[in-house]
Amino acid sequence: MANTTEKDRAWAEAKKRCRLHTRDIQLAKQLGISPKSLLKNIPSPKEQWKLPVKQWLARKKGLMKDDKLPF
């Protein structure tokens, strides 16, 4: 199990690299998304189809709120 300080560092890195606000980090924690998952979802220049992490979180929140599955 990771130390609390290691978890805090991971969240701080995700916040910085994904350009998120504190409320976005709180939302990710509420949705059960790890900082590693946020970092993996940063789109590269070759992945233009991928949403920016902030918009991806908002879409995830909408899916969880409506309880509608995309399939």
PDB file of N, CA and C in Angstrom:
ATOM      1  N   MET A   1       0.841  -1.186   0.000  1.00  0.00           N
ATOM      2  CA  MET A   1       0.000   0.000   0.000  1.00  0.00           C
ATOM      3  C   MET A   1       0.886   1.249   0.000  1.00  0.00           C
ATOM      4  N   ALA A   2       0.505   2.191  -0.753  1.00  0.00           N
ATOM      5  CA  ALA A   2       1.298   3.413  -0.880  1.00  0.00           C
ATOM      6  C   ALA A   2       1.100   4.314   0.341  1.00  0.00           C
ATOM      7  N   ASN A   3       2.135   5.050   0.658  1.00  0.00           N
ATOM      8  CA  ASN A   3       2.045   6.035   1.725  1.00  0.00           C
ATOM      9  C   ASN A   3       1.072   7.136   1.354  1.00  0.00           C
ATOM     10  N   THR A   4       0.578   7.832   2.357  1.00  0.00           N
ATOM     11  CA  THR A   4      -0.310   8.962   2.106  1.00  0.00           C
ATOM     12  C   THR A   4       0.426  10.040   1.313  1.00  0.00           C
ATOM     13  N   THR A   5       1.688  10.244   1.629  1.00  0.00           N
ATOM     14  CA  THR A   5       2.439  11.274   0.912  1.00  0.00           C
ATOM     15  C   THR A   5       2.641  10.877  -0.548  1.00  0.00           C
ATOM     16  N   GLU A   6       2.820   9.582  -0.807  1.00  0.00           N
ATOM     17  CA  GLU A   6       2.957   9.136  -2.193  1.00  0.00           C
ATOM     18  C   GLU A   6       1.653   9.340  -2.954  1.00  0.00           C
ATOM     19  N   LYS A   7       0.531   9.082  -2.300  1.00  0.00           N
ATOM     20  CA  LYS A   7      -0.767   9.302  -2.938  1.00  0.00           C
ATOM     21  C   LYS A   7      -0.968  10.789  -3.230  1.00  0.00           C
ATOM     22  N   ASP A   8      -0.600  11.615  -2.238  1.00  0.00           N
ATOM     23  CA  ASP A   8      -0.734  13.060  -2.429  1.00  0.00           C
ATOM     24  C   ASP A   8       0.139  13.546  -3.582  1.00  0.00           C
ATOM     25  N   ARG A   9       1.338  13.013  -3.678  1.00  0.00           N
ATOM     26  CA  ARG A   9       2.223  13.390  -4.786  1.00  0.00           C
ATOM     27  C   ARG A   9       1.632  12.968  -6.124  1.00  0.00           C
ATOM     28  N   ALA A  10       1.044  11.770  -6.150  1.00  0.00           N
ATOM     29  CA  ALA A  10       0.442  11.284  -7.395  1.00  0.00           C
ATOM     30  C   ALA A  10      -0.719  12.183  -7.809  1.00  0.00           C
ATOM     31  N   TRP A  11      -1.554  12.574  -6.853  1.00  0.00           N
ATOM     32  CA  TRP A  11      -2.666  13.471  -7.174  1.00  0.00           C
ATOM     33  C   TRP A  11      -2.165  14.841  -7.605  1.00  0.00           C
ATOM     34  N   ALA A  12      -1.114  15.336  -6.962  1.00  0.00           N
ATOM     35  CA  ALA A  12      -0.558  16.645  -7.344  1.00  0.00           C
ATOM     36  C   ALA A  12       0.017  16.590  -8.759  1.00  0.00           C
ATOM     37  N   GLU A  13       0.687  15.486  -9.085  1.00  0.00           N
ATOM     38  CA  GLU A  13       1.231  15.347 -10.438  1.00  0.00           C
ATOM     39  C   GLU A  13       0.115  15.282 -11.475  1.00  0.00           C
ATOM     40  N   ALA A  14      -0.949  14.533 -11.161  1.00  0.00           N
ATOM     41  CA  ALA A  14      -2.083  14.433 -12.085  1.00  0.00           C
ATOM     42  C   ALA A  14      -2.746  15.803 -12.267  1.00  0.00           C
ATOM     43  N   LYS A  15      -2.873  16.538 -11.168  1.00  0.00           N
ATOM     44  CA  LYS A  15      -3.483  17.876 -11.242  1.00  0.00           C
ATOM     45  C   LYS A  15      -2.667  18.798 -12.139  1.00  0.00           C
ATOM     46  N   LYS A  16      -1.355  18.727 -11.998  1.00  0.00           N
ATOM     47  CA  LYS A  16      -0.480  19.603 -12.778  1.00  0.00           C
ATOM     48  C   LYS A  16      -0.437  19.198 -14.251  1.00  0.00           C
ATOM     49  N   ARG A  17      -0.197  17.913 -14.510  1.00  0.00           N
ATOM     50  CA  ARG A  17      -0.034  17.457 -15.890  1.00  0.00           C
ATOM     51  C   ARG A  17      -1.339  17.462 -16.668  1.00  0.00           C
ATOM     52  N   CYS A  18      -2.468  17.260 -15.987  1.00  0.00           N
ATOM     53  CA  CYS A  18      -3.769  17.249 -16.671  1.00  0.00           C
ATOM     54  C   CYS A  18      -4.421  18.628 -16.674  1.00  0.00           C
ATOM     55  N   ARG A  19      -3.789  19.587 -16.005  1.00  0.00           N
ATOM     56  CA  ARG A  19      -4.306  20.964 -15.910  1.00  0.00           C
ATOM     57  C   ARG A  19      -5.716  20.987 -15.327  1.00  0.00           C
ATOM     58  N   LEU A  20      -5.849  20.399 -14.145  1.00  0.00           N
ATOM     59  CA  LEU A  20      -7.144  20.304 -13.488  1.00  0.00           C
ATOM     60  C   LEU A  20      -7.209  21.232 -12.290  1.00  0.00           C
ATOM     61  N   HIS A  21      -8.433  21.591 -11.912  1.00  0.00           N
ATOM     62  CA  HIS A  21      -8.676  22.369 -10.702  1.00  0.00           C
ATOM     63  C   HIS A  21      -8.912  21.409  -9.546  1.00  0.00           C
ATOM     64  N   THR A  22      -8.929  21.950  -8.348  1.00  0.00           N
ATOM     65  CA  THR A  22      -9.157  21.129  -7.162  1.00  0.00           C
ATOM     66  C   THR A  22     -10.504  20.433  -7.227  1.00  0.00           C
ATOM     67  N   ARG A  23     -11.516  21.108  -7.743  1.00  0.00           N
ATOM     68  CA  ARG A  23     -12.849  20.484  -7.828  1.00  0.00           C
ATOM     69  C   ARG A  23     -12.852  19.322  -8.823  1.00  0.00           C
ATOM     70  N   ASP A  24     -12.011  19.383  -9.849  1.00  0.00           N
ATOM     71  CA  ASP A  24     -11.899  18.279 -10.798  1.00  0.00           C
ATOM     72  C   ASP A  24     -11.244  17.061 -10.139  1.00  0.00           C
ATOM     73  N   ILE A  25     -10.259  17.314  -9.298  1.00  0.00           N
ATOM     74  CA  ILE A  25      -9.612  16.232  -8.560  1.00  0.00           C
ATOM     75  C   ILE A  25     -10.602  15.599  -7.593  1.00  0.00           C
ATOM     76  N   GLN A  26     -11.406  16.422  -6.922  1.00  0.00           N
ATOM     77  CA  GLN A  26     -12.425  15.896  -6.014  1.00  0.00           C
ATOM     78  C   GLN A  26     -13.431  15.041  -6.773  1.00  0.00           C
ATOM     79  N   LEU A  27     -13.816  15.471  -7.956  1.00  0.00           N
ATOM     80  CA  LEU A  27     -14.754  14.713  -8.776  1.00  0.00           C
ATOM     81  C   LEU A  27     -14.152  13.371  -9.170  1.00  0.00           C
ATOM     82  N   ALA A  28     -12.884  13.364  -9.556  1.00  0.00           N
ATOM     83  CA  ALA A  28     -12.219  12.114  -9.931  1.00  0.00           C
ATOM     84  C   ALA A  28     -12.192  11.149  -8.750  1.00  0.00           C
ATOM     85  N   LYS A  29     -11.917  11.671  -7.561  1.00  0.00           N
ATOM     86  CA  LYS A  29     -11.904  10.824  -6.370  1.00  0.00           C
ATOM     87  C   LYS A  29     -13.295  10.268  -6.089  1.00  0.00           C
ATOM     88  N   GLN A  30     -14.329  11.084  -6.262  1.00  0.00           N
ATOM     89  CA  GLN A  30     -15.708  10.629  -6.041  1.00  0.00           C
ATOM     90  C   GLN A  30     -16.100   9.540  -7.033  1.00  0.00           C
ATOM     91  N   LEU A  31     -15.609   9.653  -8.255  1.00  0.00           N
ATOM     92  CA  LEU A  31     -15.917   8.660  -9.279  1.00  0.00           C
ATOM     93  C   LEU A  31     -15.049   7.411  -9.158  1.00  0.00           C
ATOM     94  N   GLY A  32     -14.068   7.443  -8.260  1.00  0.00           N
ATOM     95  CA  GLY A  32     -13.203   6.292  -8.061  1.00  0.00           C
ATOM     96  C   GLY A  32     -12.108   6.160  -9.099  1.00  0.00           C
ATOM     97  N   ILE A  33     -11.736   7.277  -9.704  1.00  0.00           N
ATOM     98  CA  ILE A  33     -10.693   7.281 -10.732  1.00  0.00           C
ATOM     99  C   ILE A  33      -9.354   7.571 -10.059  1.00  0.00           C
ATOM    100  N   SER A  34      -8.352   6.785 -10.378  1.00  0.00           N
ATOM    101  CA  SER A  34      -7.030   6.958  -9.774  1.00  0.00           C
ATOM    102  C   SER A  34      -6.229   8.011 -10.542  1.00  0.00           C
ATOM    103  N   PRO A  35      -5.206   8.579  -9.899  1.00  0.00           N
ATOM    104  CA  PRO A  35      -4.369   9.545 -10.611  1.00  0.00           C
ATOM    105  C   PRO A  35      -3.649   8.908 -11.792  1.00  0.00           C
ATOM    106  N   LYS A  36      -3.302   7.648 -11.668  1.00  0.00           N
ATOM    107  CA  LYS A  36      -2.649   6.946 -12.766  1.00  0.00           C
ATOM    108  C   LYS A  36      -3.574   6.880 -13.981  1.00  0.00           C
ATOM    109  N   SER A  37      -4.848   6.656 -13.744  1.00  0.00           N
ATOM    110  CA  SER A  37      -5.823   6.607 -14.830  1.00  0.00           C
ATOM    111  C   SER A  37      -5.958   7.970 -15.515  1.00  0.00           C
ATOM    112  N   LEU A  38      -5.917   9.025 -14.723  1.00  0.00           N
ATOM    113  CA  LEU A  38      -5.990  10.372 -15.307  1.00  0.00           C
ATOM    114  C   LEU A  38      -4.790  10.623 -16.213  1.00  0.00           C
ATOM    115  N   LEU A  39      -3.609  10.223 -15.731  1.00  0.00           N
ATOM    116  CA  LEU A  39      -2.401  10.445 -16.517  1.00  0.00           C
ATOM    117  C   LEU A  39      -2.408   9.619 -17.796  1.00  0.00           C
ATOM    118  N   LYS A  40      -2.983   8.431 -17.750  1.00  0.00           N
ATOM    119  CA  LYS A  40      -3.046   7.589 -18.939  1.00  0.00           C
ATOM    120  C   LYS A  40      -4.004   8.160 -19.980  1.00  0.00           C
ATOM    121  N   ASN A  41      -4.929   8.995 -19.561  1.00  0.00           N
ATOM    122  CA  ASN A  41      -5.917   9.538 -20.482  1.00  0.00           C
ATOM    123  C   ASN A  41      -5.552  10.900 -21.045  1.00  0.00           C
ATOM    124  N   ILE A  42      -4.324  11.338 -20.838  1.00  0.00           N
ATOM    125  CA  ILE A  42      -3.861  12.570 -21.474  1.00  0.00           C
ATOM    126  C   ILE A  42      -3.657  12.259 -22.956  1.00  0.00           C
ATOM    127  N   PRO A  43      -4.341  12.975 -23.835  1.00  0.00           N
ATOM    128  CA  PRO A  43      -4.192  12.666 -25.262  1.00  0.00           C
ATOM    129  C   PRO A  43      -2.841  13.135 -25.806  1.00  0.00           C
ATOM    130  N   SER A  44      -2.240  12.291 -26.608  1.00  0.00           N
ATOM    131  CA  SER A  44      -0.996  12.675 -27.292  1.00  0.00           C
ATOM    132  C   SER A  44      -1.382  13.336 -28.622  1.00  0.00           C
ATOM    133  N   PRO A  45      -0.456  13.980 -29.304  1.00  0.00           N
ATOM    134  CA  PRO A  45      -0.798  14.608 -30.589  1.00  0.00           C
ATOM    135  C   PRO A  45      -1.350  13.621 -31.620  1.00  0.00           C
ATOM    136  N   LYS A  46      -0.972  12.361 -31.515  1.00  0.00           N
ATOM    137  CA  LYS A  46      -1.474  11.357 -32.457  1.00  0.00           C
ATOM    138  C   LYS A  46      -2.868  10.863 -32.091  1.00  0.00           C
ATOM    139  N   GLU A  47      -3.323  11.177 -30.892  1.00  0.00           N
ATOM    140  CA  GLU A  47      -4.639  10.732 -30.423  1.00  0.00           C
ATOM    141  C   GLU A  47      -5.621  11.899 -30.398  1.00  0.00           C
ATOM    142  N   GLN A  48      -5.889  12.456 -31.550  1.00  0.00           N
ATOM    143  CA  GLN A  48      -6.768  13.619 -31.616  1.00  0.00           C
ATOM    144  C   GLN A  48      -8.222  13.269 -31.307  1.00  0.00           C
ATOM    145  N   TRP A  49      -8.553  11.992 -31.369  1.00  0.00           N
ATOM    146  CA  TRP A  49      -9.905  11.556 -31.078  1.00  0.00           C
ATOM    147  C   TRP A  49     -10.196  11.566 -29.577  1.00  0.00           C
ATOM    148  N   LYS A  50      -9.139  11.586 -28.747  1.00  0.00           N
ATOM    149  CA  LYS A  50      -9.304  11.542 -27.300  1.00  0.00           C
ATOM    150  C   LYS A  50      -9.691  12.912 -26.762  1.00  0.00           C
ATOM    151  N   LEU A  51     -10.613  12.922 -25.815  1.00  0.00           N
ATOM    152  CA  LEU A  51     -10.991  14.165 -25.156  1.00  0.00           C
ATOM    153  C   LEU A  51      -9.920  14.592 -24.167  1.00  0.00           C
ATOM    154  N   PRO A  52      -9.772  15.889 -23.933  1.00  0.00           N
ATOM    155  CA  PRO A  52      -8.915  16.326 -22.833  1.00  0.00           C
ATOM    156  C   PRO A  52      -9.460  15.759 -21.517  1.00  0.00           C
ATOM    157  N   VAL A  53      -8.598  15.586 -20.549  1.00  0.00           N
ATOM    158  CA  VAL A  53      -8.968  14.911 -19.304  1.00  0.00           C
ATOM    159  C   VAL A  53     -10.127  15.620 -18.609  1.00  0.00           C
ATOM    160  N   LYS A  54     -10.131  16.930 -18.636  1.00  0.00           N
ATOM    161  CA  LYS A  54     -11.201  17.690 -17.969  1.00  0.00           C
ATOM    162  C   LYS A  54     -12.566  17.371 -18.596  1.00  0.00           C
ATOM    163  N   GLN A  55     -12.626  17.330 -19.907  1.00  0.00           N
ATOM    164  CA  GLN A  55     -13.877  17.005 -20.591  1.00  0.00           C
ATOM    165  C   GLN A  55     -14.233  15.535 -20.412  1.00  0.00           C
ATOM    166  N   TRP A  56     -13.226  14.669 -20.363  1.00  0.00           N
ATOM    167  CA  TRP A  56     -13.446  13.250 -20.137  1.00  0.00           C
ATOM    168  C   TRP A  56     -14.092  13.022 -18.773  1.00  0.00           C
ATOM    169  N   LEU A  57     -13.607  13.755 -17.750  1.00  0.00           N
ATOM    170  CA  LEU A  57     -14.194  13.653 -16.414  1.00  0.00           C
ATOM    171  C   LEU A  57     -15.646  14.132 -16.410  1.00  0.00           C
ATOM    172  N   ALA A  58     -15.912  15.231 -17.105  1.00  0.00           N
ATOM    173  CA  ALA A  58     -17.272  15.759 -17.159  1.00  0.00           C
ATOM    174  C   ALA A  58     -18.214  14.758 -17.832  1.00  0.00           C
ATOM    175  N   ARG A  59     -17.743  14.094 -18.864  1.00  0.00           N
ATOM    176  CA  ARG A  59     -18.564  13.092 -19.548  1.00  0.00           C
ATOM    177  C   ARG A  59     -18.815  11.894 -18.636  1.00  0.00           C
ATOM    178  N   LYS A  60     -17.771  11.469 -17.902  1.00  0.00           N
ATOM    179  CA  LYS A  60     -17.929  10.358 -16.960  1.00  0.00           C
ATOM    180  C   LYS A  60     -18.954  10.720 -15.887  1.00  0.00           C
ATOM    181  N   LYS A  61     -18.913  11.972 -15.428  1.00  0.00           N
ATOM    182  CA  LYS A  61     -19.852  12.427 -14.403  1.00  0.00           C
ATOM    183  C   LYS A  61     -21.272  12.368 -14.948  1.00  0.00           C
ATOM    184  N   GLY A  62     -21.453  12.780 -16.198  1.00  0.00           N
ATOM    185  CA  GLY A  62     -22.777  12.745 -16.814  1.00  0.00           C
ATOM    186  C   GLY A  62     -23.302  11.331 -16.949  1.00  0.00           C
ATOM    187  N   LEU A  63     -22.428  10.397 -17.305  1.00  0.00           N
ATOM    188  CA  LEU A  63     -22.854   9.002 -17.431  1.00  0.00           C
ATOM    189  C   LEU A  63     -23.236   8.428 -16.083  1.00  0.00           C
ATOM    190  N   MET A  64     -22.483   8.770 -15.048  1.00  0.00           N
ATOM    191  CA  MET A  64     -22.782   8.261 -13.719  1.00  0.00           C
ATOM    192  C   MET A  64     -24.056   8.898 -13.181  1.00  0.00           C
ATOM    193  N   LYS A  65     -24.281  10.155 -13.494  1.00  0.00           N
ATOM    194  CA  LYS A  65     -25.440  10.879 -12.997  1.00  0.00           C
ATOM    195  C   LYS A  65     -26.732  10.354 -13.619  1.00  0.00           C
ATOM    196  N   ASP A  66     -26.694  10.100 -14.919  1.00  0.00           N
ATOM    197  CA  ASP A  66     -27.887   9.653 -15.625  1.00  0.00           C
ATOM    198  C   ASP A  66     -28.112   8.151 -15.514  1.00  0.00           C
ATOM    199  N   ASP A  67     -27.088   7.441 -15.022  1.00  0.00           N
ATOM    200  CA  ASP A  67     -27.150   5.965 -14.944  1.00  0.00           C
ATOM    201  C   ASP A  67     -27.478   5.335 -16.300  1.00  0.00           C
ATOM    202  N   LYS A  68     -26.976   5.954 -17.359  1.00  0.00           N
ATOM    203  CA  LYS A  68     -27.166   5.423 -18.707  1.00  0.00           C
ATOM    204  C   LYS A  68     -25.849   4.865 -19.191  1.00  0.00           C
ATOM    205  N   LEU A  69     -25.888   3.687 -19.711  1.00  0.00           N
ATOM    206  CA  LEU A  69     -24.690   3.102 -20.266  1.00  0.00           C
ATOM    207  C   LEU A  69     -24.601   3.448 -21.746  1.00  0.00           C
ATOM    208  N   PRO A  70     -23.395   3.628 -22.266  1.00  0.00           N
ATOM    209  CA  PRO A  70     -23.270   4.027 -23.674  1.00  0.00           C
ATOM    210  C   PRO A  70     -23.586   2.911 -24.663  1.00  0.00           C
ATOM    211  N   PHE A  71     -23.888   1.699 -24.200  1.00  0.00           N
ATOM    212  CA  PHE A  71     -24.182   0.617 -25.127  1.00  0.00           C
ATOM    213  C   PHE A  71     -25.518  -0.015 -24.820  1.00  0.00           C
TER     214      PHE A  71
END
